[in-house]
Amino acid sequence: MQLKVENYPDLVRDSKSKAIINVNRAAMQEHMSKQQMKESIQNLNQEMASLKDDFKEIKALLQQIACRG
């Protein structure tokens, strides 16, 4: 059985487990989409930083080769 949480129309409490459950599926889906987008942006930022480091290393190696020749 689920009991409504006072002052929170989108929340109910499960009477057995005492867990609070969000019953607004649209809001939950939106939250999950935002979370996935945030993780994707973090991954892209990490990849960008890695590529920048790689280019710096390549540049340094090319400069060493140019100085020898």
PDB file of N, CA and C in Angstrom:
ATOM      1  N   MET A   1       0.833  -1.182   0.000  1.00  0.00           N
ATOM      2  CA  MET A   1       0.000   0.000   0.000  1.00  0.00           C
ATOM      3  C   MET A   1       0.882   1.251   0.000  1.00  0.00           C
ATOM      4  N   GLN A   2       0.456   2.270  -0.706  1.00  0.00           N
ATOM      5  CA  GLN A   2       1.232   3.505  -0.794  1.00  0.00           C
ATOM      6  C   GLN A   2       0.458   4.640  -0.136  1.00  0.00           C
ATOM      7  N   LEU A   3       1.173   5.428   0.668  1.00  0.00           N
ATOM      8  CA  LEU A   3       0.583   6.556   1.374  1.00  0.00           C
ATOM      9  C   LEU A   3       1.141   7.847   0.801  1.00  0.00           C
ATOM     10  N   LYS A   4       0.280   8.828   0.598  1.00  0.00           N
ATOM     11  CA  LYS A   4       0.743  10.113   0.062  1.00  0.00           C
ATOM     12  C   LYS A   4       1.620  10.815   1.083  1.00  0.00           C
ATOM     13  N   VAL A   5       2.652  11.501   0.581  1.00  0.00           N
ATOM     14  CA  VAL A   5       3.541  12.287   1.437  1.00  0.00           C
ATOM     15  C   VAL A   5       2.972  13.701   1.488  1.00  0.00           C
ATOM     16  N   GLU A   6       2.754  14.183   2.683  1.00  0.00           N
ATOM     17  CA  GLU A   6       2.145  15.498   2.873  1.00  0.00           C
ATOM     18  C   GLU A   6       2.986  16.595   2.216  1.00  0.00           C
ATOM     19  N   ASN A   7       2.328  17.494   1.493  1.00  0.00           N
ATOM     20  CA  ASN A   7       2.932  18.642   0.807  1.00  0.00           C
ATOM     21  C   ASN A   7       3.796  18.267  -0.395  1.00  0.00           C
ATOM     22  N   TYR A   8       3.801  17.000  -0.792  1.00  0.00           N
ATOM     23  CA  TYR A   8       4.584  16.552  -1.955  1.00  0.00           C
ATOM     24  C   TYR A   8       3.692  15.656  -2.816  1.00  0.00           C
ATOM     25  N   PRO A   9       2.965  16.239  -3.778  1.00  0.00           N
ATOM     26  CA  PRO A   9       2.002  15.453  -4.554  1.00  0.00           C
ATOM     27  C   PRO A   9       2.630  14.366  -5.426  1.00  0.00           C
ATOM     28  N   ASP A  10       3.902  14.481  -5.741  1.00  0.00           N
ATOM     29  CA  ASP A  10       4.553  13.491  -6.603  1.00  0.00           C
ATOM     30  C   ASP A  10       5.222  12.371  -5.824  1.00  0.00           C
ATOM     31  N   LEU A  11       5.136  12.403  -4.498  1.00  0.00           N
ATOM     32  CA  LEU A  11       5.802  11.397  -3.677  1.00  0.00           C
ATOM     33  C   LEU A  11       4.799  10.573  -2.886  1.00  0.00           C
ATOM     34  N   VAL A  12       5.098   9.275  -2.765  1.00  0.00           N
ATOM     35  CA  VAL A  12       4.318   8.371  -1.911  1.00  0.00           C
ATOM     36  C   VAL A  12       5.286   7.551  -1.075  1.00  0.00           C
ATOM     37  N   ARG A  13       4.787   7.043   0.048  1.00  0.00           N
ATOM     38  CA  ARG A  13       5.598   6.186   0.906  1.00  0.00           C
ATOM     39  C   ARG A  13       5.035   4.774   0.837  1.00  0.00           C
ATOM     40  N   ASP A  14       5.934   3.812   0.577  1.00  0.00           N
ATOM     41  CA  ASP A  14       5.543   2.403   0.589  1.00  0.00           C
ATOM     42  C   ASP A  14       5.363   1.982   2.041  1.00  0.00           C
ATOM     43  N   SER A  15       4.190   1.440   2.368  1.00  0.00           N
ATOM     44  CA  SER A  15       3.902   1.113   3.767  1.00  0.00           C
ATOM     45  C   SER A  15       4.737  -0.052   4.287  1.00  0.00           C
ATOM     46  N   LYS A  16       5.192  -0.941   3.421  1.00  0.00           N
ATOM     47  CA  LYS A  16       5.998  -2.094   3.872  1.00  0.00           C
ATOM     48  C   LYS A  16       7.457  -1.717   4.083  1.00  0.00           C
ATOM     49  N   SER A  17       8.067  -1.107   3.044  1.00  0.00           N
ATOM     50  CA  SER A  17       9.501  -0.821   3.114  1.00  0.00           C
ATOM     51  C   SER A  17       9.797   0.556   3.701  1.00  0.00           C
ATOM     52  N   LYS A  18       8.771   1.408   3.794  1.00  0.00           N
ATOM     53  CA  LYS A  18       8.910   2.791   4.271  1.00  0.00           C
ATOM     54  C   LYS A  18       9.690   3.670   3.293  1.00  0.00           C
ATOM     55  N   ALA A  19       9.934   3.169   2.095  1.00  0.00           N
ATOM     56  CA  ALA A  19      10.663   3.935   1.077  1.00  0.00           C
ATOM     57  C   ALA A  19       9.773   5.023   0.504  1.00  0.00           C
ATOM     58  N   ILE A  20      10.384   6.148   0.151  1.00  0.00           N
ATOM     59  CA  ILE A  20       9.668   7.238  -0.517  1.00  0.00           C
ATOM     60  C   ILE A  20       9.875   7.057  -2.017  1.00  0.00           C
ATOM     61  N   ILE A  21       8.791   7.102  -2.766  1.00  0.00           N
ATOM     62  CA  ILE A  21       8.826   6.823  -4.202  1.00  0.00           C
ATOM     63  C   ILE A  21       8.273   8.021  -4.965  1.00  0.00           C
ATOM     64  N   ASN A  22       8.981   8.419  -6.016  1.00  0.00           N
ATOM     65  CA  ASN A  22       8.515   9.478  -6.896  1.00  0.00           C
ATOM     66  C   ASN A  22       7.589   8.845  -7.931  1.00  0.00           C
ATOM     67  N   VAL A  23       6.344   9.271  -7.978  1.00  0.00           N
ATOM     68  CA  VAL A  23       5.377   8.691  -8.907  1.00  0.00           C
ATOM     69  C   VAL A  23       5.211   9.543 -10.165  1.00  0.00           C
ATOM     70  N   ASN A  24       5.935  10.655 -10.272  1.00  0.00           N
ATOM     71  CA  ASN A  24       5.885  11.503 -11.456  1.00  0.00           C
ATOM     72  C   ASN A  24       6.911  10.970 -12.453  1.00  0.00           C
ATOM     73  N   ARG A  25       6.461  10.112 -13.332  1.00  0.00           N
ATOM     74  CA  ARG A  25       7.371   9.437 -14.276  1.00  0.00           C
ATOM     75  C   ARG A  25       8.021  10.424 -15.253  1.00  0.00           C
ATOM     76  N   ALA A  26       7.274  11.430 -15.672  1.00  0.00           N
ATOM     77  CA  ALA A  26       7.834  12.412 -16.627  1.00  0.00           C
ATOM     78  C   ALA A  26       8.992  13.164 -15.989  1.00  0.00           C
ATOM     79  N   ALA A  27       8.833  13.578 -14.735  1.00  0.00           N
ATOM     80  CA  ALA A  27       9.909  14.296 -14.040  1.00  0.00           C
ATOM     81  C   ALA A  27      11.113  13.379 -13.833  1.00  0.00           C
ATOM     82  N   MET A  28      10.851  12.127 -13.531  1.00  0.00           N
ATOM     83  CA  MET A  28      11.947  11.173 -13.320  1.00  0.00           C
ATOM     84  C   MET A  28      12.708  10.932 -14.626  1.00  0.00           C
ATOM     85  N   GLN A  29      11.962  10.791 -15.723  1.00  0.00           N
ATOM     86  CA  GLN A  29      12.602  10.585 -17.028  1.00  0.00           C
ATOM     87  C   GLN A  29      13.437  11.805 -17.411  1.00  0.00           C
ATOM     88  N   GLU A  30      12.908  13.001 -17.151  1.00  0.00           N
ATOM     89  CA  GLU A  30      13.653  14.229 -17.445  1.00  0.00           C
ATOM     90  C   GLU A  30      14.936  14.295 -16.626  1.00  0.00           C
ATOM     91  N   HIS A  31      14.841  13.919 -15.354  1.00  0.00           N
ATOM     92  CA  HIS A  31      16.024  13.910 -14.483  1.00  0.00           C
ATOM     93  C   HIS A  31      17.074  12.932 -15.007  1.00  0.00           C
ATOM     94  N   MET A  32      16.630  11.753 -15.410  1.00  0.00           N
ATOM     95  CA  MET A  32      17.560  10.750 -15.929  1.00  0.00           C
ATOM     96  C   MET A  32      18.216  11.239 -17.224  1.00  0.00           C
ATOM     97  N   SER A  33      17.458  11.901 -18.086  1.00  0.00           N
ATOM     98  CA  SER A  33      18.017  12.430 -19.335  1.00  0.00           C
ATOM     99  C   SER A  33      19.070  13.491 -19.042  1.00  0.00           C
ATOM    100  N   LYS A  34      18.774  14.370 -18.091  1.00  0.00           N
ATOM    101  CA  LYS A  34      19.745  15.400 -17.716  1.00  0.00           C
ATOM    102  C   LYS A  34      21.013  14.775 -17.144  1.00  0.00           C
ATOM    103  N   GLN A  35      20.845  13.736 -16.347  1.00  0.00           N
ATOM    104  CA  GLN A  35      21.989  13.049 -15.743  1.00  0.00           C
ATOM    105  C   GLN A  35      22.861  12.414 -16.823  1.00  0.00           C
ATOM    106  N   GLN A  36      22.229  11.777 -17.807  1.00  0.00           N
ATOM    107  CA  GLN A  36      22.980  11.165 -18.908  1.00  0.00           C
ATOM    108  C   GLN A  36      23.715  12.222 -19.728  1.00  0.00           C
ATOM    109  N   MET A  37      23.051  13.356 -19.955  1.00  0.00           N
ATOM    110  CA  MET A  37      23.678  14.447 -20.703  1.00  0.00           C
ATOM    111  C   MET A  37      24.889  14.975 -19.943  1.00  0.00           C
ATOM    112  N   LYS A  38      24.750  15.124 -18.653  1.00  0.00           N
ATOM    113  CA  LYS A  38      25.850  15.609 -17.819  1.00  0.00           C
ATOM    114  C   LYS A  38      27.041  14.648 -17.887  1.00  0.00           C
ATOM    115  N   GLU A  39      26.766  13.354 -17.816  1.00  0.00           N
ATOM    116  CA  GLU A  39      27.837  12.362 -17.901  1.00  0.00           C
ATOM    117  C   GLU A  39      28.505  12.391 -19.268  1.00  0.00           C
ATOM    118  N   SER A  40      27.717  12.569 -20.320  1.00  0.00           N
ATOM    119  CA  SER A  40      28.272  12.643 -21.677  1.00  0.00           C
ATOM    120  C   SER A  40      29.194  13.852 -21.816  1.00  0.00           C
ATOM    121  N   ILE A  41      28.779  14.975 -21.271  1.00  0.00           N
ATOM    122  CA  ILE A  41      29.599  16.181 -21.335  1.00  0.00           C
ATOM    123  C   ILE A  41      30.903  15.984 -20.571  1.00  0.00           C
ATOM    124  N   GLN A  42      30.828  15.344 -19.401  1.00  0.00           N
ATOM    125  CA  GLN A  42      32.039  15.076 -18.621  1.00  0.00           C
ATOM    126  C   GLN A  42      32.985  14.169 -19.404  1.00  0.00           C
ATOM    127  N   ASN A  43      32.438  13.149 -20.062  1.00  0.00           N
ATOM    128  CA  ASN A  43      33.271  12.241 -20.860  1.00  0.00           C
ATOM    129  C   ASN A  43      33.927  12.983 -22.021  1.00  0.00           C
ATOM    130  N   LEU A  44      33.167  13.844 -22.689  1.00  0.00           N
ATOM    131  CA  LEU A  44      33.733  14.617 -23.795  1.00  0.00           C
ATOM    132  C   LEU A  44      34.835  15.555 -23.316  1.00  0.00           C
ATOM    133  N   ASN A  45      34.643  16.167 -22.168  1.00  0.00           N
ATOM    134  CA  ASN A  45      35.671  17.051 -21.614  1.00  0.00           C
ATOM    135  C   ASN A  45      36.946  16.268 -21.293  1.00  0.00           C
ATOM    136  N   GLN A  46      36.790  15.059 -20.764  1.00  0.00           N
ATOM    137  CA  GLN A  46      37.959  14.226 -20.466  1.00  0.00           C
ATOM    138  C   GLN A  46      38.681  13.827 -21.752  1.00  0.00           C
ATOM    139  N   GLU A  47      37.918  13.471 -22.778  1.00  0.00           N
ATOM    140  CA  GLU A  47      38.521  13.106 -24.058  1.00  0.00           C
ATOM    141  C   GLU A  47      39.239  14.306 -24.675  1.00  0.00           C
ATOM    142  N   MET A  48      38.640  15.480 -24.567  1.00  0.00           N
ATOM    143  CA  MET A  48      39.259  16.691 -25.103  1.00  0.00           C
ATOM    144  C   MET A  48      40.583  16.971 -24.395  1.00  0.00           C
ATOM    145  N   ALA A  49      40.602  16.841 -23.085  1.00  0.00           N
ATOM    146  CA  ALA A  49      41.831  17.074 -22.326  1.00  0.00           C
ATOM    147  C   ALA A  49      42.904  16.065 -22.739  1.00  0.00           C
ATOM    148  N   SER A  50      42.496  14.834 -22.949  1.00  0.00           N
ATOM    149  CA  SER A  50      43.439  13.805 -23.378  1.00  0.00           C
ATOM    150  C   SER A  50      44.016  14.129 -24.762  1.00  0.00           C
ATOM    151  N   LEU A  51      43.156  14.574 -25.678  1.00  0.00           N
ATOM    152  CA  LEU A  51      43.626  14.937 -27.015  1.00  0.00           C
ATOM    153  C   LEU A  51      44.576  16.129 -26.969  1.00  0.00           C
ATOM    154  N   LYS A  52      44.284  17.090 -26.119  1.00  0.00           N
ATOM    155  CA  LYS A  52      45.184  18.243 -25.971  1.00  0.00           C
ATOM    156  C   LYS A  52      46.560  17.791 -25.492  1.00  0.00           C
ATOM    157  N   ASP A  53      46.588  16.891 -24.530  1.00  0.00           N
ATOM    158  CA  ASP A  53      47.861  16.367 -24.038  1.00  0.00           C
ATOM    159  C   ASP A  53      48.612  15.630 -25.143  1.00  0.00           C
ATOM    160  N   ASP A  54      47.885  14.847 -25.933  1.00  0.00           N
ATOM    161  CA  ASP A  54      48.510  14.113 -27.035  1.00  0.00           C
ATOM    162  C   ASP A  54      49.117  15.079 -28.051  1.00  0.00           C
ATOM    163  N   PHE A  55      48.391  16.135 -28.391  1.00  0.00           N
ATOM    164  CA  PHE A  55      48.912  17.115 -29.349  1.00  0.00           C
ATOM    165  C   PHE A  55      50.135  17.834 -28.804  1.00  0.00           C
ATOM    166  N   LYS A  56      50.133  18.140 -27.523  1.00  0.00           N
ATOM    167  CA  LYS A  56      51.314  18.774 -26.919  1.00  0.00           C
ATOM    168  C   LYS A  56      52.530  17.856 -27.030  1.00  0.00           C
ATOM    169  N   GLU A  57      52.306  16.574 -26.785  1.00  0.00           N
ATOM    170  CA  GLU A  57      53.410  15.611 -26.874  1.00  0.00           C
ATOM    171  C   GLU A  57      53.908  15.495 -28.314  1.00  0.00           C
ATOM    172  N   ILE A  58      52.987  15.430 -29.270  1.00  0.00           N
ATOM    173  CA  ILE A  58      53.367  15.345 -30.681  1.00  0.00           C
ATOM    174  C   ILE A  58      54.133  16.600 -31.100  1.00  0.00           C
ATOM    175  N   LYS A  59      53.665  17.749 -30.662  1.00  0.00           N
ATOM    176  CA  LYS A  59      54.343  19.006 -30.983  1.00  0.00           C
ATOM    177  C   LYS A  59      55.765  19.014 -30.435  1.00  0.00           C
ATOM    178  N   ALA A  60      55.935  18.563 -29.196  1.00  0.00           N
ATOM    179  CA  ALA A  60      57.253  18.533 -28.598  1.00  0.00           C
ATOM    180  C   ALA A  60      58.174  17.581 -29.372  1.00  0.00           C
ATOM    181  N   LEU A  61      57.651  16.447 -29.773  1.00  0.00           N
ATOM    182  CA  LEU A  61      58.457  15.489 -30.541  1.00  0.00           C
ATOM    183  C   LEU A  61      58.837  16.077 -31.898  1.00  0.00           C
ATOM    184  N   LEU A  62      57.908  16.743 -32.546  1.00  0.00           N
ATOM    185  CA  LEU A  62      58.215  17.363 -33.854  1.00  0.00           C
ATOM    186  C   LEU A  62      59.274  18.464 -33.702  1.00  0.00           C
ATOM    187  N   GLN A  63      59.195  19.217 -32.624  1.00  0.00           N
ATOM    188  CA  GLN A  63      60.199  20.251 -32.385  1.00  0.00           C
ATOM    189  C   GLN A  63      61.576  19.626 -32.160  1.00  0.00           C
ATOM    190  N   GLN A  64      61.622  18.499 -31.462  1.00  0.00           N
ATOM    191  CA  GLN A  64      62.907  17.802 -31.262  1.00  0.00           C
ATOM    192  C   GLN A  64      63.474  17.324 -32.583  1.00  0.00           C
ATOM    193  N   ILE A  65      62.602  16.791 -33.421  1.00  0.00           N
ATOM    194  CA  ILE A  65      63.058  16.302 -34.742  1.00  0.00           C
ATOM    195  C   ILE A  65      63.557  17.465 -35.588  1.00  0.00           C
ATOM    196  N   ALA A  66      62.854  18.592 -35.552  1.00  0.00           N
ATOM    197  CA  ALA A  66      63.237  19.759 -36.346  1.00  0.00           C
ATOM    198  C   ALA A  66      64.568  20.325 -35.888  1.00  0.00           C
ATOM    199  N   CYS A  67      64.835  20.284 -34.593  1.00  0.00           N
ATOM    200  CA  CYS A  67      66.099  20.816 -34.071  1.00  0.00           C
ATOM    201  C   CYS A  67      67.280  19.932 -34.457  1.00  0.00           C
ATOM    202  N   ARG A  68      67.073  18.653 -34.627  1.00  0.00           N
ATOM    203  CA  ARG A  68      68.150  17.717 -34.971  1.00  0.00           C
ATOM    204  C   ARG A  68      68.500  17.826 -36.448  1.00  0.00           C
ATOM    205  N   GLY A  69      67.503  18.154 -37.254  1.00  0.00           N
ATOM    206  CA  GLY A  69      67.715  18.152 -38.695  1.00  0.00           C
ATOM    207  C   GLY A  69      68.247  19.407 -39.183  1.00  0.00           C
TER     208      GLY A  69
END
